[in-house]
Amino acid sequence: NTLNYNTISANTGPGISISGAGAKSNIVQYNSIGLATDGSPASNGDPAVLIVFAANGNTIGAAQSGTSGGNSLYSTAKGVWISTSGGAGNRVLANRITPGGSALGIDLGVAGATTNNSSGSANHMQNYPTLVNVFRTVTGEWIESTIDTAANATFRLDYYWGFCCTGGPGSPSRGIPNNYVGHGTTVITDSSGHAHIWTKLGIPTVGNQTLSLGLISATATASDGSTSEVGTY
């Protein structure tokens, strides 16, 4: 199924729920979720998008090799939640997500920030990248990052601009994916599962407006489509 160009708001439950092992290859793109038609907040229940009960191989936002199709999501709690019973291969790419409180924009497994190297069925608990340095020059945004995950594997890293952070007490603060910045070239890990990456992207904008300096964070998406949580900034 393809679900696109809808305004989905002010429901008591999740704005979108994808549920069951047979719920696969669904595409959710170009939707306004948790926002009224005038763009003001009109949150659904928690979360804005729920993937549950072994649902797998779904696309929330851009395709594996694309950058277009992102949704605009607002929530008073979690943004996209692939729950403890959710399956793998669920890509969450190029969306604009504003979660609420200490909730995450993209949440895998048990609600709340999950450390790298955790296990579970929700997108195989894919590890997120760690940002080392971010520089803005007149020609673009330079981002230095690392990832430690599966060995000799291919990943897509996507970068987001946020005005603040989240994660809750006792957890490393995570970036909020308020605006999508872009993604770099394909990343291939070495035999120990490590990769060190420099990426140059355009200066973040919304429409014709340049975004001020903010917090940059990233996700990693495996070749099967499993997207990580948003990482630290």
Protein backbone atom coordinates (compact mmCIF):
# COMPACT_ATOMS: atom_id res chain seq x y z
CA ASN A 1 0.00 0.00 0.00
CA THR A 2 1.05 3.58 -0.62
CA LEU A 3 -0.17 6.25 1.79
CA ASN A 4 0.72 9.76 0.71
CA TYR A 5 -0.33 13.44 0.71
CA ASN A 6 -2.64 13.10 3.73
CA THR A 7 -3.17 15.20 6.83
CA ILE A 8 -3.50 12.81 9.77
CA SER A 9 -4.08 14.54 13.08
CA ALA A 10 -5.96 14.74 16.39
CA ASN A 11 -6.61 10.99 16.72
CA THR A 12 -6.64 9.39 20.17
CA GLY A 13 -4.38 6.56 18.98
CA PRO A 14 -1.32 6.54 16.68
CA GLY A 15 -1.66 8.54 13.51
CA ILE A 16 -0.56 5.51 11.46
CA SER A 17 -0.28 1.91 12.66
CA ILE A 18 1.42 -0.79 10.59
CA SER A 19 0.78 -4.10 12.31
CA GLY A 20 1.36 -7.80 11.65
CA ALA A 21 3.87 -10.02 9.87
CA GLY A 22 1.95 -9.62 6.62
CA ALA A 23 2.22 -5.82 6.82
CA LYS A 24 5.25 -5.30 4.60
CA SER A 25 6.37 -3.11 1.70
CA ASN A 26 3.99 -0.32 2.73
CA ILE A 27 5.12 3.16 1.67
CA VAL A 28 4.29 6.24 3.77
CA GLN A 29 5.40 9.46 2.07
CA TYR A 30 4.62 13.19 1.87
CA ASN A 31 2.15 13.10 4.76
CA SER A 32 1.53 15.68 7.48
CA ILE A 33 1.13 13.66 10.68
CA GLY A 34 0.18 15.35 13.95
CA LEU A 35 -0.27 18.74 12.32
CA ALA A 36 -3.46 20.54 11.35
CA THR A 37 -4.01 21.75 7.79
CA ASP A 38 -2.65 25.17 8.78
CA GLY A 39 0.54 23.58 10.08
CA SER A 40 -0.21 24.08 13.77
CA PRO A 41 0.29 21.12 16.18
CA ALA A 42 -2.63 18.69 16.39
CA SER A 43 -0.94 15.63 17.85
CA ASN A 44 -2.24 12.12 17.50
CA GLY A 45 -1.83 9.60 20.30
CA ASP A 46 1.55 8.08 21.14
CA PRO A 47 3.36 7.51 18.80
CA ALA A 48 2.78 9.39 15.57
CA VAL A 49 3.71 6.24 13.58
CA LEU A 50 3.67 2.76 15.12
CA ILE A 51 5.25 -0.37 13.58
CA VAL A 52 4.31 -3.44 15.61
CA PHE A 53 3.74 -7.23 15.66
CA ALA A 54 6.48 -8.24 13.19
CA ALA A 55 5.60 -5.67 10.51
CA ASN A 56 8.70 -5.51 8.30
CA GLY A 57 10.19 -4.00 5.17
CA ASN A 58 8.15 -0.79 5.29
CA THR A 59 9.20 2.70 4.18
CA ILE A 60 8.49 5.83 6.22
CA GLY A 61 9.83 8.65 4.08
CA ALA A 62 12.44 8.26 1.36
CA ALA A 63 13.31 5.05 -0.45
CA GLN A 64 16.60 3.28 0.27
CA SER A 65 18.40 5.14 -2.53
CA GLY A 66 16.32 8.34 -2.51
CA THR A 67 15.99 11.63 -0.65
CA SER A 68 12.42 12.65 -1.48
CA GLY A 69 9.21 11.48 0.15
CA GLY A 70 9.79 12.63 3.70
CA ASN A 71 6.85 13.15 6.04
CA SER A 72 6.34 16.00 8.52
CA LEU A 73 5.66 14.50 11.95
CA TYR A 74 4.74 16.21 15.19
CA SER A 75 4.00 14.34 18.40
CA THR A 76 3.64 15.11 22.09
CA ALA A 77 5.53 11.84 22.65
CA LYS A 78 7.39 9.41 20.31
CA GLY A 79 7.73 10.13 16.61
CA VAL A 80 8.21 6.78 14.83
CA TRP A 81 8.23 3.77 17.17
CA ILE A 82 9.26 0.32 15.96
CA SER A 83 8.15 -1.51 19.08
CA THR A 84 9.67 -4.52 20.82
CA SER A 85 7.50 -6.76 18.65
CA GLY A 86 8.26 -4.89 15.42
CA GLY A 87 10.19 -6.54 12.61
CA ALA A 88 13.26 -5.51 10.64
CA GLY A 89 13.89 -3.70 7.37
CA ASN A 90 11.74 -0.70 8.29
CA ARG A 91 13.46 2.34 6.80
CA VAL A 92 12.77 5.78 8.30
CA LEU A 93 14.48 8.30 6.05
CA ALA A 94 14.42 12.03 5.25
CA ASN A 95 11.49 12.91 7.53
CA ARG A 96 11.04 16.03 9.64
CA ILE A 97 10.16 14.80 13.13
CA THR A 98 9.44 16.78 16.28
CA PRO A 99 8.79 14.47 19.27
CA GLY A 100 7.60 15.64 22.66
CA GLY A 101 9.23 15.76 26.08
CA SER A 102 12.07 13.27 26.47
CA ALA A 103 10.73 10.97 23.73
CA LEU A 104 12.75 10.09 20.62
CA GLY A 105 12.13 10.98 17.01
CA ILE A 106 12.88 7.37 16.01
CA ASP A 107 12.60 4.77 18.78
CA LEU A 108 13.54 1.08 18.53
CA GLY A 109 12.41 -1.60 20.97
CA VAL A 110 11.71 -0.59 24.55
CA ALA A 111 10.56 3.03 24.70
CA GLY A 112 13.40 5.46 25.33
CA ALA A 113 16.99 5.80 24.21
CA THR A 114 18.64 2.42 23.59
CA THR A 115 22.41 2.01 23.70
CA ASN A 116 24.34 0.62 20.76
CA ASN A 117 24.98 -3.12 20.64
CA SER A 118 21.56 -3.96 22.08
CA SER A 119 19.67 -6.97 20.75
CA GLY A 120 16.09 -7.31 19.57
CA SER A 121 13.86 -7.78 16.55
CA ALA A 122 13.01 -4.11 16.01
CA ASN A 123 15.20 -3.30 12.99
CA HIS A 124 17.77 -5.67 14.53
CA MET A 125 18.45 -2.78 16.97
CA GLN A 126 20.70 -1.23 14.36
CA ASN A 127 23.53 0.83 15.87
CA TYR A 128 23.51 4.58 15.29
CA PRO A 129 26.52 6.67 14.17
CA THR A 130 28.55 8.86 16.51
CA LEU A 131 29.35 12.39 15.38
CA VAL A 132 32.90 13.57 16.03
CA ASN A 133 32.96 17.05 14.46
CA VAL A 134 30.65 19.32 12.48
CA PHE A 135 31.86 22.46 10.71
CA ARG A 136 29.95 25.00 8.63
CA THR A 137 31.85 26.91 5.96
CA VAL A 138 30.69 29.15 3.14
CA THR A 139 30.58 26.11 0.84
CA GLY A 140 28.70 23.62 3.01
CA GLU A 141 28.34 21.52 6.14
CA TRP A 142 31.28 19.22 6.92
CA ILE A 143 30.51 16.25 9.16
CA GLU A 144 32.96 13.77 10.67
CA SER A 145 31.37 10.62 12.05
CA THR A 146 32.11 7.03 13.00
CA ILE A 147 30.05 3.88 13.22
CA ASP A 148 30.69 0.52 14.85
CA THR A 149 28.28 -2.15 13.70
CA ALA A 150 28.21 -5.29 11.53
CA ALA A 151 31.50 -6.16 9.81
CA ASN A 152 32.05 -5.81 6.06
CA ALA A 153 28.57 -4.37 5.58
CA THR A 154 27.09 -1.44 3.66
CA PHE A 155 25.20 1.40 5.31
CA ARG A 156 23.52 4.68 4.46
CA LEU A 157 24.09 7.55 6.92
CA ASP A 158 21.51 10.34 7.08
CA TYR A 159 22.01 13.65 8.88
CA TYR A 160 19.50 15.88 10.64
CA TRP A 161 19.46 19.39 12.07
CA GLY A 162 17.73 19.99 15.39
CA PHE A 163 17.22 22.92 17.73
CA CYS A 164 17.66 20.81 20.87
CA CYS A 165 18.08 17.30 22.16
CA THR A 166 16.27 14.54 24.03
CA GLY A 167 16.80 11.12 25.54
CA GLY A 168 15.75 11.35 29.16
CA PRO A 169 17.68 11.22 32.44
CA GLY A 170 20.62 8.84 32.51
CA SER A 171 20.83 8.56 28.72
CA PRO A 172 23.22 10.31 26.35
CA SER A 173 21.26 13.13 24.76
CA ARG A 174 20.00 12.36 21.26
CA GLY A 175 19.45 14.76 18.43
CA ILE A 176 15.96 15.76 17.36
CA PRO A 177 15.43 15.34 13.58
CA ASN A 178 13.55 18.60 13.06
CA ASN A 179 14.98 19.09 9.58
CA TYR A 180 16.63 16.75 7.12
CA VAL A 181 20.11 17.78 5.97
CA GLY A 182 20.98 14.93 3.58
CA HIS A 183 23.03 11.76 3.30
CA GLY A 184 26.55 10.98 2.21
CA THR A 185 28.02 8.27 0.02
CA THR A 186 27.61 4.60 0.89
CA VAL A 187 29.60 3.55 3.95
CA ILE A 188 31.32 0.13 4.11
CA THR A 189 32.60 -1.11 7.45
CA ASP A 190 35.87 -2.96 7.86
CA SER A 191 36.41 -6.47 9.23
CA SER A 192 35.89 -5.18 12.77
CA GLY A 193 32.67 -3.38 11.86
CA HIS A 194 34.19 0.11 12.07
CA ALA A 195 34.02 3.00 9.63
CA HIS A 196 35.29 6.60 9.87
CA ILE A 197 33.52 9.00 7.53
CA TRP A 198 33.85 12.60 6.35
CA THR A 199 30.75 13.94 4.60
CA LYS A 200 30.17 17.30 2.93
CA LEU A 201 26.56 18.42 2.56
CA GLY A 202 24.82 21.63 1.60
CA ILE A 203 24.06 24.21 4.27
CA PRO A 204 20.70 23.27 5.85
CA THR A 205 17.74 25.31 4.64
CA VAL A 206 13.98 25.37 4.96
CA GLY A 207 12.55 26.84 1.78
CA ASN A 208 14.85 29.74 0.99
CA GLN A 209 15.80 30.29 4.63
CA THR A 210 19.21 29.17 5.89
CA LEU A 211 19.00 27.37 9.22
CA SER A 212 21.04 28.81 12.05
CA LEU A 213 23.76 26.78 13.72
CA GLY A 214 22.12 23.93 15.62
CA LEU A 215 22.66 20.31 16.62
CA ILE A 216 23.49 17.74 13.94
CA SER A 217 22.78 14.05 14.54
CA ALA A 218 22.56 10.99 12.32
CA THR A 219 20.95 7.64 11.63
CA ALA A 220 22.37 4.54 9.96
CA THR A 221 20.33 2.35 7.63
CA ALA A 222 21.50 -1.14 6.75
CA SER A 223 21.17 -2.60 3.25
CA ASP A 224 18.01 -4.46 4.34
CA GLY A 225 16.39 -1.12 5.22
CA SER A 226 16.76 -1.29 9.01
CA THR A 227 17.13 2.29 10.30
CA SER A 228 18.71 3.06 13.67
CA GLU A 229 17.53 5.48 16.31
CA VAL A 230 18.75 9.06 15.93
CA GLY A 231 22.22 9.20 17.45
CA THR A 232 23.95 11.60 19.78
CA TYR A 233 24.73 15.08 18.48
